[in-house]
Amino acid sequence: MCKSFASSGVHSPTPNTMSPPPRVTIHTGTWLVDGNPQVILFDIGSAAWKLDEYKQELWSTCSLGIPHLDIEANDAVILGYQMAHFIAEFRKAAEEYSESPPRIVAHFHEWQAGLGLIALHTRHIDVATVFTTHATLLGRYLCAGNTDFYNNLSKQCTLQMKTIGIWQCLWLWKHLTAKPDLQRSSTLISYTEN
């Protein structure tokens, strides 16, 4: 457990509450920062058995393939679909508390969480979405790999990403920020530089 999170336990589905996908574990608790916001953590390992199903849906709905051995991208697939399922269930539950449709905003930060946004759109879940990126993915990987980043960075971003094995990250990032069917009025895309 990380130091900045206080857990209030593991939750499993009960008949009258929102439930994550079958056999999936979530943790709820309080983030130990000012304001102590409530948090939900998704145990992606508990949903690994659904990876092939999620990847098939991703391919069928938007022709996005994820390499079998790319652990980081596979984890992003699992997390994204867990979040999409949770948000869809949250929306259903919220509908019971009001006569008007609930107004829900889901914020996805960086490509690792962005598959949740894609899943919400392809499953036609009626929530507003925000995608935020720092747009420095390649730079982070090159700097972490002891590359002389400033003196050797070429303009061939795609080739660089293929060379270091993170092409699918770029593909997903481009898909999130440029695919016309995701540029709906309910999606706000923002870029920041660090």
N, C-alpha and C. Protein backbone atom coordinates (compact mmCIF):
# COMPACT_ATOMS: atom_id res chain seq x y z
N MET A 1 0.85 -1.17 0.00
CA MET A 1 0.00 0.00 0.00
C MET A 1 0.90 1.24 0.00
N CYS A 2 0.59 2.19 -0.87
CA CYS A 2 1.41 3.39 -0.93
C CYS A 2 1.13 4.29 0.27
N LYS A 3 2.08 5.11 0.61
CA LYS A 3 1.97 5.94 1.80
C LYS A 3 0.88 7.00 1.71
N SER A 4 0.49 7.36 0.49
CA SER A 4 -0.47 8.46 0.36
C SER A 4 -1.91 7.99 0.26
N PHE A 5 -2.18 6.76 0.68
CA PHE A 5 -3.53 6.23 0.56
C PHE A 5 -3.90 5.46 1.82
N ALA A 6 -5.04 5.77 2.39
CA ALA A 6 -5.53 5.03 3.55
C ALA A 6 -6.72 4.20 3.10
N SER A 7 -6.61 2.90 3.18
CA SER A 7 -7.65 2.01 2.67
C SER A 7 -8.77 1.82 3.67
N SER A 8 -9.98 1.77 3.15
CA SER A 8 -11.11 1.41 4.00
C SER A 8 -11.60 0.02 3.64
N GLY A 9 -10.82 -0.69 2.89
CA GLY A 9 -11.14 -2.09 2.64
C GLY A 9 -11.35 -2.44 1.18
N VAL A 10 -11.47 -3.74 0.97
CA VAL A 10 -11.74 -4.29 -0.35
C VAL A 10 -13.24 -4.48 -0.45
N HIS A 11 -13.79 -4.13 -1.57
CA HIS A 11 -15.22 -4.24 -1.75
C HIS A 11 -15.55 -5.25 -2.82
N SER A 12 -16.49 -6.11 -2.53
CA SER A 12 -16.99 -7.04 -3.52
C SER A 12 -18.46 -6.73 -3.75
N PRO A 13 -19.00 -7.16 -4.87
CA PRO A 13 -20.38 -6.81 -5.20
C PRO A 13 -21.38 -7.30 -4.16
N THR A 14 -22.38 -6.47 -3.91
CA THR A 14 -23.52 -6.87 -3.09
C THR A 14 -24.77 -6.55 -3.89
N PRO A 15 -25.88 -7.23 -3.64
CA PRO A 15 -27.05 -7.10 -4.50
C PRO A 15 -27.57 -5.68 -4.73
N ASN A 16 -27.54 -4.80 -3.75
CA ASN A 16 -28.15 -3.48 -3.91
C ASN A 16 -27.16 -2.34 -4.08
N THR A 17 -25.94 -2.64 -4.51
CA THR A 17 -24.95 -1.58 -4.70
C THR A 17 -24.34 -1.69 -6.09
N MET A 18 -23.63 -0.62 -6.50
CA MET A 18 -22.89 -0.69 -7.75
C MET A 18 -21.88 -1.81 -7.63
N SER A 19 -21.61 -2.46 -8.73
CA SER A 19 -20.65 -3.54 -8.65
C SER A 19 -19.67 -3.45 -9.80
N PRO A 20 -18.40 -3.72 -9.52
CA PRO A 20 -17.43 -3.81 -10.59
C PRO A 20 -17.68 -5.09 -11.38
N PRO A 21 -16.97 -5.30 -12.49
CA PRO A 21 -17.18 -6.53 -13.23
C PRO A 21 -17.00 -7.75 -12.32
N PRO A 22 -17.60 -8.88 -12.65
CA PRO A 22 -17.48 -10.07 -11.80
C PRO A 22 -16.03 -10.40 -11.49
N ARG A 23 -15.77 -10.80 -10.27
CA ARG A 23 -14.46 -11.23 -9.81
C ARG A 23 -13.38 -10.16 -9.94
N VAL A 24 -13.76 -8.92 -9.85
CA VAL A 24 -12.80 -7.82 -9.92
C VAL A 24 -12.72 -7.16 -8.56
N THR A 25 -11.52 -6.82 -8.14
CA THR A 25 -11.31 -6.22 -6.82
C THR A 25 -11.07 -4.72 -6.95
N ILE A 26 -11.77 -3.96 -6.12
CA ILE A 26 -11.49 -2.53 -6.00
C ILE A 26 -11.23 -2.22 -4.54
N HIS A 27 -10.47 -1.17 -4.31
CA HIS A 27 -10.20 -0.70 -2.95
C HIS A 27 -10.73 0.73 -2.86
N THR A 28 -11.33 1.06 -1.76
CA THR A 28 -11.77 2.44 -1.54
C THR A 28 -11.07 2.97 -0.30
N GLY A 29 -10.94 4.26 -0.24
CA GLY A 29 -10.29 4.85 0.92
C GLY A 29 -10.18 6.34 0.78
N THR A 30 -9.23 6.90 1.50
CA THR A 30 -9.02 8.34 1.53
C THR A 30 -7.60 8.65 1.11
N TRP A 31 -7.45 9.60 0.22
CA TRP A 31 -6.14 10.05 -0.22
C TRP A 31 -5.62 10.98 0.86
N LEU A 32 -4.42 10.73 1.33
CA LEU A 32 -3.88 11.49 2.45
C LEU A 32 -3.21 12.79 1.98
N VAL A 33 -4.04 13.68 1.44
CA VAL A 33 -3.63 15.02 1.03
C VAL A 33 -4.66 15.99 1.58
N ASP A 34 -4.40 17.29 1.44
CA ASP A 34 -5.37 18.28 1.92
C ASP A 34 -6.75 17.99 1.35
N GLY A 35 -7.75 18.02 2.20
CA GLY A 35 -9.12 17.75 1.80
C GLY A 35 -9.51 16.30 1.91
N ASN A 36 -8.55 15.41 2.00
CA ASN A 36 -8.80 13.97 2.12
C ASN A 36 -9.87 13.45 1.16
N PRO A 37 -9.67 13.62 -0.15
CA PRO A 37 -10.69 13.13 -1.08
C PRO A 37 -10.82 11.61 -1.04
N GLN A 38 -12.03 11.15 -1.29
CA GLN A 38 -12.25 9.71 -1.36
C GLN A 38 -11.68 9.19 -2.68
N VAL A 39 -11.13 7.99 -2.66
CA VAL A 39 -10.53 7.42 -3.86
C VAL A 39 -11.01 5.99 -4.06
N ILE A 40 -10.95 5.56 -5.30
CA ILE A 40 -11.24 4.18 -5.67
C ILE A 40 -10.03 3.69 -6.45
N LEU A 41 -9.46 2.59 -6.02
CA LEU A 41 -8.33 1.98 -6.72
C LEU A 41 -8.79 0.68 -7.35
N PHE A 42 -8.46 0.48 -8.61
CA PHE A 42 -8.83 -0.73 -9.32
C PHE A 42 -7.65 -1.69 -9.31
N ASP A 43 -7.87 -2.91 -8.88
CA ASP A 43 -6.84 -3.94 -8.89
C ASP A 43 -6.84 -4.58 -10.27
N ILE A 44 -5.94 -4.13 -11.14
CA ILE A 44 -5.96 -4.62 -12.52
C ILE A 44 -5.60 -6.10 -12.60
N GLY A 45 -4.84 -6.59 -11.64
CA GLY A 45 -4.52 -8.02 -11.63
C GLY A 45 -5.74 -8.89 -11.49
N SER A 46 -6.75 -8.39 -10.78
CA SER A 46 -7.95 -9.19 -10.56
C SER A 46 -8.83 -9.28 -11.81
N ALA A 47 -8.55 -8.45 -12.81
CA ALA A 47 -9.33 -8.48 -14.05
C ALA A 47 -8.50 -8.94 -15.24
N ALA A 48 -7.29 -9.43 -14.99
CA ALA A 48 -6.42 -9.86 -16.09
C ALA A 48 -7.06 -10.95 -16.93
N TRP A 49 -7.94 -11.74 -16.34
CA TRP A 49 -8.61 -12.82 -17.07
C TRP A 49 -9.50 -12.29 -18.19
N LYS A 50 -9.82 -10.99 -18.18
CA LYS A 50 -10.67 -10.40 -19.22
C LYS A 50 -9.87 -9.69 -20.31
N LEU A 51 -8.55 -9.74 -20.24
CA LEU A 51 -7.70 -9.00 -21.18
C LEU A 51 -8.03 -9.33 -22.63
N ASP A 52 -8.11 -10.61 -22.98
CA ASP A 52 -8.37 -10.97 -24.38
C ASP A 52 -9.72 -10.43 -24.85
N GLU A 53 -10.73 -10.49 -23.99
CA GLU A 53 -12.05 -9.96 -24.33
C GLU A 53 -11.98 -8.45 -24.58
N TYR A 54 -11.29 -7.74 -23.70
CA TYR A 54 -11.15 -6.29 -23.85
C TYR A 54 -10.40 -5.94 -25.14
N LYS A 55 -9.30 -6.67 -25.40
CA LYS A 55 -8.51 -6.39 -26.60
C LYS A 55 -9.30 -6.68 -27.87
N GLN A 56 -10.13 -7.72 -27.84
CA GLN A 56 -10.97 -8.02 -28.99
C GLN A 56 -11.97 -6.90 -29.23
N GLU A 57 -12.57 -6.39 -28.15
CA GLU A 57 -13.51 -5.28 -28.28
C GLU A 57 -12.82 -4.04 -28.82
N LEU A 58 -11.61 -3.78 -28.34
CA LEU A 58 -10.84 -2.63 -28.80
C LEU A 58 -10.54 -2.74 -30.30
N TRP A 59 -10.19 -3.94 -30.74
CA TRP A 59 -9.91 -4.15 -32.16
C TRP A 59 -11.20 -4.02 -32.98
N SER A 60 -12.27 -4.63 -32.50
CA SER A 60 -13.54 -4.62 -33.24
C SER A 60 -14.14 -3.22 -33.36
N THR A 61 -13.99 -2.40 -32.34
CA THR A 61 -14.64 -1.09 -32.34
C THR A 61 -13.79 0.02 -32.94
N CYS A 62 -12.47 -0.07 -32.85
CA CYS A 62 -11.66 1.04 -33.39
C CYS A 62 -10.33 0.60 -34.00
N SER A 63 -10.20 -0.68 -34.32
CA SER A 63 -9.01 -1.21 -35.01
C SER A 63 -7.71 -0.87 -34.29
N LEU A 64 -7.75 -0.89 -32.99
CA LEU A 64 -6.56 -0.64 -32.19
C LEU A 64 -6.05 -1.96 -31.64
N GLY A 65 -4.88 -2.38 -32.11
CA GLY A 65 -4.27 -3.62 -31.65
C GLY A 65 -3.19 -3.34 -30.62
N ILE A 66 -3.12 -4.17 -29.61
CA ILE A 66 -2.11 -4.03 -28.55
C ILE A 66 -1.24 -5.29 -28.59
N PRO A 67 0.09 -5.14 -28.70
CA PRO A 67 0.96 -6.32 -28.73
C PRO A 67 0.81 -7.17 -27.48
N HIS A 68 0.83 -8.47 -27.67
CA HIS A 68 0.61 -9.42 -26.58
C HIS A 68 1.59 -9.21 -25.42
N LEU A 69 2.85 -8.95 -25.72
CA LEU A 69 3.87 -8.88 -24.67
C LEU A 69 4.09 -7.49 -24.09
N ASP A 70 3.32 -6.51 -24.49
CA ASP A 70 3.48 -5.15 -23.97
C ASP A 70 2.71 -5.03 -22.65
N ILE A 71 3.40 -5.23 -21.56
CA ILE A 71 2.76 -5.26 -20.24
C ILE A 71 2.10 -3.93 -19.90
N GLU A 72 2.80 -2.82 -20.17
CA GLU A 72 2.25 -1.51 -19.82
C GLU A 72 0.96 -1.22 -20.60
N ALA A 73 0.96 -1.53 -21.90
CA ALA A 73 -0.24 -1.30 -22.70
C ALA A 73 -1.36 -2.25 -22.30
N ASN A 74 -1.03 -3.50 -21.98
CA ASN A 74 -2.05 -4.46 -21.53
C ASN A 74 -2.68 -4.00 -20.22
N ASP A 75 -1.85 -3.49 -19.31
CA ASP A 75 -2.39 -2.95 -18.05
C ASP A 75 -3.32 -1.77 -18.31
N ALA A 76 -2.96 -0.93 -19.29
CA ALA A 76 -3.81 0.21 -19.64
C ALA A 76 -5.16 -0.26 -20.19
N VAL A 77 -5.15 -1.35 -20.95
CA VAL A 77 -6.40 -1.90 -21.49
C VAL A 77 -7.29 -2.35 -20.34
N ILE A 78 -6.72 -3.12 -19.41
CA ILE A 78 -7.51 -3.63 -18.28
C ILE A 78 -8.07 -2.47 -17.45
N LEU A 79 -7.21 -1.52 -17.10
CA LEU A 79 -7.66 -0.38 -16.30
C LEU A 79 -8.74 0.42 -17.02
N GLY A 80 -8.54 0.68 -18.29
CA GLY A 80 -9.51 1.46 -19.05
C GLY A 80 -10.89 0.83 -19.07
N TYR A 81 -10.93 -0.46 -19.31
CA TYR A 81 -12.23 -1.13 -19.35
C TYR A 81 -12.85 -1.27 -17.97
N GLN A 82 -12.02 -1.44 -16.93
CA GLN A 82 -12.56 -1.44 -15.57
C GLN A 82 -13.20 -0.09 -15.25
N MET A 83 -12.50 0.99 -15.61
CA MET A 83 -13.04 2.32 -15.33
C MET A 83 -14.32 2.57 -16.11
N ALA A 84 -14.35 2.16 -17.38
CA ALA A 84 -15.55 2.37 -18.20
C ALA A 84 -16.74 1.62 -17.60
N HIS A 85 -16.50 0.40 -17.15
CA HIS A 85 -17.59 -0.38 -16.55
C HIS A 85 -18.07 0.31 -15.26
N PHE A 86 -17.13 0.75 -14.45
CA PHE A 86 -17.49 1.42 -13.20
C PHE A 86 -18.30 2.69 -13.46
N ILE A 87 -17.84 3.51 -14.40
CA ILE A 87 -18.53 4.76 -14.70
C ILE A 87 -19.92 4.49 -15.26
N ALA A 88 -20.06 3.46 -16.10
CA ALA A 88 -21.38 3.10 -16.63
C ALA A 88 -22.31 2.68 -15.50
N GLU A 89 -21.80 1.88 -14.55
CA GLU A 89 -22.62 1.46 -13.41
C GLU A 89 -22.96 2.65 -12.51
N PHE A 90 -22.00 3.56 -12.34
CA PHE A 90 -22.23 4.77 -11.55
C PHE A 90 -23.35 5.60 -12.18
N ARG A 91 -23.30 5.73 -13.50
CA ARG A 91 -24.35 6.49 -14.20
C ARG A 91 -25.72 5.85 -13.98
N LYS A 92 -25.80 4.53 -14.11
CA LYS A 92 -27.07 3.83 -13.89
C LYS A 92 -27.60 4.10 -12.48
N ALA A 93 -26.71 4.02 -11.49
CA ALA A 93 -27.12 4.26 -10.11
C ALA A 93 -27.56 5.71 -9.92
N ALA A 94 -26.85 6.66 -10.54
CA ALA A 94 -27.19 8.08 -10.41
C ALA A 94 -28.55 8.39 -11.02
N GLU A 95 -28.94 7.66 -12.05
CA GLU A 95 -30.24 7.89 -12.68
C GLU A 95 -31.40 7.62 -11.72
N GLU A 96 -31.18 6.76 -10.75
CA GLU A 96 -32.23 6.42 -9.79
C GLU A 96 -32.49 7.54 -8.78
N TYR A 97 -31.58 8.51 -8.68
CA TYR A 97 -31.69 9.57 -7.68
C TYR A 97 -32.21 10.89 -8.22
N SER A 98 -32.56 10.93 -9.50
CA SER A 98 -33.03 12.18 -10.08
C SER A 98 -33.98 11.89 -11.23
N GLU A 99 -34.89 12.82 -11.44
CA GLU A 99 -35.80 12.67 -12.57
C GLU A 99 -35.17 13.15 -13.87
N SER A 100 -34.13 13.96 -13.76
CA SER A 100 -33.42 14.41 -14.95
C SER A 100 -32.15 13.58 -15.11
N PRO A 101 -31.62 13.50 -16.33
CA PRO A 101 -30.40 12.71 -16.55
C PRO A 101 -29.24 13.25 -15.71
N PRO A 102 -28.44 12.37 -15.13
CA PRO A 102 -27.30 12.84 -14.34
C PRO A 102 -26.26 13.49 -15.25
N ARG A 103 -25.59 14.50 -14.72
CA ARG A 103 -24.52 15.17 -15.46
C ARG A 103 -23.20 14.72 -14.84
N ILE A 104 -22.51 13.85 -15.55
CA ILE A 104 -21.30 13.22 -15.05
C ILE A 104 -20.14 13.56 -15.97
N VAL A 105 -19.00 13.92 -15.37
CA VAL A 105 -17.78 14.18 -16.12
C VAL A 105 -16.74 13.17 -15.68
N ALA A 106 -16.12 12.50 -16.64
CA ALA A 106 -15.02 11.57 -16.35
C ALA A 106 -13.74 12.16 -16.93
N HIS A 107 -12.73 12.31 -16.08
CA HIS A 107 -11.46 12.91 -16.50
C HIS A 107 -10.41 11.82 -16.61
N PHE A 108 -9.77 11.73 -17.77
CA PHE A 108 -8.73 10.74 -18.03
C PHE A 108 -7.43 11.48 -18.27
N HIS A 109 -6.39 11.10 -17.54
CA HIS A 109 -5.11 11.78 -17.61
C HIS A 109 -4.06 10.85 -18.19
N GLU A 110 -3.48 11.24 -19.30
CA GLU A 110 -2.43 10.51 -20.02
C GLU A 110 -2.96 9.24 -20.68
N TRP A 111 -2.15 8.70 -21.56
CA TRP A 111 -2.58 7.58 -22.40
C TRP A 111 -2.90 6.33 -21.59
N GLN A 112 -2.24 6.14 -20.44
CA GLN A 112 -2.47 4.93 -19.65
C GLN A 112 -3.92 4.82 -19.18
N ALA A 113 -4.58 5.94 -18.97
CA ALA A 113 -5.98 5.92 -18.53
C ALA A 113 -6.94 6.16 -19.69
N GLY A 114 -6.41 6.55 -20.84
CA GLY A 114 -7.25 6.96 -21.95
C GLY A 114 -8.14 5.90 -22.55
N LEU A 115 -7.81 4.64 -22.36
CA LEU A 115 -8.67 3.60 -22.91
C LEU A 115 -10.04 3.59 -22.26
N GLY A 116 -10.13 4.10 -21.05
CA GLY A 116 -11.44 4.23 -20.42
C GLY A 116 -12.33 5.18 -21.21
N LEU A 117 -11.75 6.26 -21.69
CA LEU A 117 -12.48 7.22 -22.51
C LEU A 117 -12.95 6.56 -23.81
N ILE A 118 -12.06 5.83 -24.46
CA ILE A 118 -12.43 5.14 -25.70
C ILE A 118 -13.56 4.16 -25.44
N ALA A 119 -13.46 3.37 -24.38
CA ALA A 119 -14.50 2.39 -24.07
C ALA A 119 -15.84 3.07 -23.78
N LEU A 120 -15.82 4.19 -23.08
CA LEU A 120 -17.08 4.91 -22.82
C LEU A 120 -17.73 5.35 -24.13
N HIS A 121 -16.92 5.86 -25.05
CA HIS A 121 -17.46 6.33 -26.32
C HIS A 121 -17.95 5.17 -27.19
N THR A 122 -17.17 4.10 -27.29
CA THR A 122 -17.59 2.99 -28.15
C THR A 122 -18.77 2.24 -27.57
N ARG A 123 -18.95 2.30 -26.27
CA ARG A 123 -20.10 1.66 -25.62
C ARG A 123 -21.28 2.63 -25.49
N HIS A 124 -21.11 3.84 -25.97
CA HIS A 124 -22.16 4.87 -25.98
C HIS A 124 -22.70 5.16 -24.57
N ILE A 125 -21.79 5.31 -23.61
CA ILE A 125 -22.16 5.69 -22.25
C ILE A 125 -22.26 7.22 -22.22
N ASP A 126 -23.39 7.73 -21.80
CA ASP A 126 -23.67 9.16 -21.86
C ASP A 126 -23.05 9.91 -20.68
N VAL A 127 -21.75 10.18 -20.80
CA VAL A 127 -21.04 11.01 -19.82
C VAL A 127 -20.13 11.96 -20.60
N ALA A 128 -19.90 13.13 -20.04
CA ALA A 128 -18.92 14.05 -20.62
C ALA A 128 -17.54 13.55 -20.25
N THR A 129 -16.57 13.76 -21.13
CA THR A 129 -15.22 13.26 -20.87
C THR A 129 -14.19 14.35 -21.08
N VAL A 130 -13.10 14.24 -20.33
CA VAL A 130 -11.96 15.14 -20.46
C VAL A 130 -10.73 14.27 -20.59
N PHE A 131 -9.88 14.59 -21.56
CA PHE A 131 -8.60 13.89 -21.71
C PHE A 131 -7.50 14.93 -21.61
N THR A 132 -6.57 14.73 -20.70
CA THR A 132 -5.46 15.65 -20.50
C THR A 132 -4.16 14.91 -20.74
N THR A 133 -3.27 15.55 -21.48
CA THR A 133 -1.96 14.95 -21.74
C THR A 133 -0.89 16.03 -21.62
N HIS A 134 0.30 15.59 -21.25
CA HIS A 134 1.44 16.50 -21.20
C HIS A 134 2.16 16.54 -22.54
N ALA A 135 1.85 15.58 -23.42
CA ALA A 135 2.43 15.52 -24.76
C ALA A 135 3.95 15.39 -24.74
N THR A 136 4.49 14.72 -23.75
CA THR A 136 5.94 14.55 -23.66
C THR A 136 6.31 13.07 -23.51
N LEU A 137 5.50 12.19 -24.05
CA LEU A 137 5.71 10.75 -23.88
C LEU A 137 7.07 10.30 -24.38
N LEU A 138 7.41 10.64 -25.61
CA LEU A 138 8.69 10.22 -26.17
C LEU A 138 9.86 10.77 -25.36
N GLY A 139 9.78 12.04 -24.98
CA GLY A 139 10.85 12.64 -24.20
C GLY A 139 11.09 11.92 -22.89
N ARG A 140 10.03 11.51 -22.23
CA ARG A 140 10.17 10.79 -20.96
C ARG A 140 10.92 9.48 -21.16
N TYR A 141 10.56 8.74 -22.20
CA TYR A 141 11.22 7.45 -22.44
C TYR A 141 12.67 7.64 -22.85
N LEU A 142 12.95 8.62 -23.71
CA LEU A 142 14.32 8.85 -24.14
C LEU A 142 15.20 9.29 -22.97
N CYS A 143 14.71 10.20 -22.15
CA CYS A 143 15.49 10.67 -21.00
C CYS A 143 15.73 9.56 -19.99
N ALA A 144 14.74 8.72 -19.78
CA ALA A 144 14.90 7.61 -18.84
C ALA A 144 15.91 6.59 -19.36
N GLY A 145 16.12 6.56 -20.67
CA GLY A 145 17.05 5.61 -21.26
C GLY A 145 18.43 6.19 -21.47
N ASN A 146 18.79 7.26 -20.76
CA ASN A 146 20.10 7.89 -20.84
C ASN A 146 20.46 8.38 -22.24
N THR A 147 19.47 8.78 -22.99
CA THR A 147 19.71 9.34 -24.32
C THR A 147 20.05 10.82 -24.17
N ASP A 148 20.99 11.29 -24.99
CA ASP A 148 21.30 12.72 -25.01
C ASP A 148 20.14 13.40 -25.73
N PHE A 149 19.10 13.60 -24.99
CA PHE A 149 17.80 14.03 -25.53
C PHE A 149 17.89 15.31 -26.36
N TYR A 150 18.49 16.34 -25.82
CA TYR A 150 18.46 17.64 -26.49
C TYR A 150 19.37 17.71 -27.71
N ASN A 151 20.45 16.96 -27.73
CA ASN A 151 21.38 17.03 -28.86
C ASN A 151 21.09 16.01 -29.95
N ASN A 152 20.29 14.99 -29.66
CA ASN A 152 20.09 13.93 -30.64
C ASN A 152 18.64 13.67 -31.03
N LEU A 153 17.73 14.46 -30.56
CA LEU A 153 16.33 14.22 -30.89
C LEU A 153 16.04 14.67 -32.32
N SER A 154 15.64 13.70 -33.12
CA SER A 154 15.29 14.03 -34.51
C SER A 154 13.82 14.41 -34.57
N LYS A 155 13.38 14.80 -35.74
CA LYS A 155 11.97 15.14 -35.95
C LYS A 155 11.14 13.90 -36.24
N GLN A 156 11.76 12.72 -36.29
CA GLN A 156 11.06 11.48 -36.64
C GLN A 156 10.53 10.80 -35.39
N CYS A 157 9.52 11.39 -34.82
CA CYS A 157 8.93 10.88 -33.58
C CYS A 157 8.45 9.44 -33.72
N THR A 158 7.76 9.14 -34.82
CA THR A 158 7.22 7.80 -35.02
C THR A 158 8.33 6.77 -35.06
N LEU A 159 9.39 7.04 -35.82
CA LEU A 159 10.52 6.11 -35.91
C LEU A 159 11.18 5.92 -34.55
N GLN A 160 11.38 7.00 -33.81
CA GLN A 160 11.98 6.92 -32.48
C GLN A 160 11.15 6.02 -31.57
N MET A 161 9.83 6.18 -31.62
CA MET A 161 8.97 5.39 -30.74
C MET A 161 8.95 3.92 -31.14
N LYS A 162 9.00 3.64 -32.44
CA LYS A 162 9.09 2.24 -32.89
C LYS A 162 10.40 1.63 -32.42
N THR A 163 11.49 2.40 -32.52
CA THR A 163 12.81 1.91 -32.14
C THR A 163 12.88 1.54 -30.67
N ILE A 164 12.28 2.34 -29.79
CA ILE A 164 12.36 2.03 -28.36
C ILE A 164 11.18 1.21 -27.87
N GLY A 165 10.31 0.80 -28.81
CA GLY A 165 9.25 -0.15 -28.46
C GLY A 165 8.02 0.43 -27.80
N ILE A 166 7.72 1.69 -28.06
CA ILE A 166 6.51 2.26 -27.47
C ILE A 166 5.58 2.80 -28.55
N TRP A 167 5.63 2.20 -29.74
CA TRP A 167 4.78 2.63 -30.84
C TRP A 167 3.31 2.62 -30.46
N GLN A 168 2.86 1.56 -29.78
CA GLN A 168 1.44 1.46 -29.44
C GLN A 168 1.01 2.60 -28.51
N CYS A 169 1.93 3.11 -27.70
CA CYS A 169 1.60 4.27 -26.85
C CYS A 169 1.30 5.48 -27.72
N LEU A 170 2.14 5.70 -28.73
CA LEU A 170 1.93 6.82 -29.64
C LEU A 170 0.63 6.63 -30.42
N TRP A 171 0.39 5.40 -30.88
CA TRP A 171 -0.82 5.13 -31.65
C TRP A 171 -2.04 5.45 -30.80
N LEU A 172 -2.03 5.00 -29.56
CA LEU A 172 -3.16 5.26 -28.68
C LEU A 172 -3.30 6.76 -28.41
N TRP A 173 -2.19 7.43 -28.16
CA TRP A 173 -2.23 8.87 -27.90
C TRP A 173 -2.82 9.60 -29.11
N LYS A 174 -2.34 9.24 -30.31
CA LYS A 174 -2.88 9.87 -31.52
C LYS A 174 -4.36 9.55 -31.68
N HIS A 175 -4.75 8.34 -31.36
CA HIS A 175 -6.15 7.93 -31.47
C HIS A 175 -7.02 8.76 -30.52
N LEU A 176 -6.53 8.98 -29.33
CA LEU A 176 -7.29 9.75 -28.34
C LEU A 176 -7.42 11.21 -28.73
N THR A 177 -6.40 11.76 -29.37
CA THR A 177 -6.41 13.19 -29.63
C THR A 177 -6.82 13.58 -31.04
N ALA A 178 -6.90 12.62 -31.96
CA ALA A 178 -7.16 13.00 -33.34
C ALA A 178 -8.30 12.23 -34.02
N LYS A 179 -8.77 11.16 -33.46
CA LYS A 179 -9.80 10.36 -34.12
C LYS A 179 -11.11 11.15 -34.14
N PRO A 180 -11.67 11.36 -35.33
CA PRO A 180 -12.86 12.22 -35.44
C PRO A 180 -14.04 11.79 -34.57
N ASP A 181 -14.29 10.50 -34.42
CA ASP A 181 -15.46 10.10 -33.65
C ASP A 181 -15.28 10.33 -32.16
N LEU A 182 -14.04 10.60 -31.72
CA LEU A 182 -13.83 10.95 -30.32
C LEU A 182 -13.83 12.46 -30.11
N GLN A 183 -13.86 13.22 -31.19
CA GLN A 183 -13.87 14.67 -31.09
C GLN A 183 -15.31 15.18 -30.98
N ARG A 184 -16.11 14.51 -30.20
CA ARG A 184 -17.49 14.92 -30.01
C ARG A 184 -17.54 16.12 -29.07
N SER A 185 -18.67 16.77 -29.06
CA SER A 185 -18.80 17.96 -28.22
C SER A 185 -18.70 17.63 -26.74
N SER A 186 -18.85 16.35 -26.38
CA SER A 186 -18.79 16.01 -24.96
C SER A 186 -17.37 15.71 -24.50
N THR A 187 -16.39 15.79 -25.39
CA THR A 187 -15.01 15.52 -25.00
C THR A 187 -14.18 16.78 -25.07
N LEU A 188 -13.55 17.11 -23.98
CA LEU A 188 -12.62 18.23 -23.92
C LEU A 188 -11.22 17.63 -23.86
N ILE A 189 -10.35 18.06 -24.76
CA ILE A 189 -8.98 17.58 -24.77
C ILE A 189 -8.09 18.74 -24.41
N SER A 190 -7.22 18.54 -23.43
CA SER A 190 -6.33 19.62 -23.04
C SER A 190 -4.89 19.13 -23.03
N TYR A 191 -3.98 20.02 -23.34
CA TYR A 191 -2.56 19.71 -23.36
C TYR A 191 -1.86 20.62 -22.36
N THR A 192 -0.91 20.05 -21.67
CA THR A 192 -0.10 20.87 -20.78
C THR A 192 1.36 20.50 -21.00
N GLU A 193 2.25 21.37 -20.71
CA GLU A 193 3.68 21.11 -20.80
C GLU A 193 4.29 21.22 -19.42
N ASN A 194 5.10 20.24 -19.08
CA ASN A 194 5.82 20.27 -17.80
C ASN A 194 7.26 20.63 -18.04
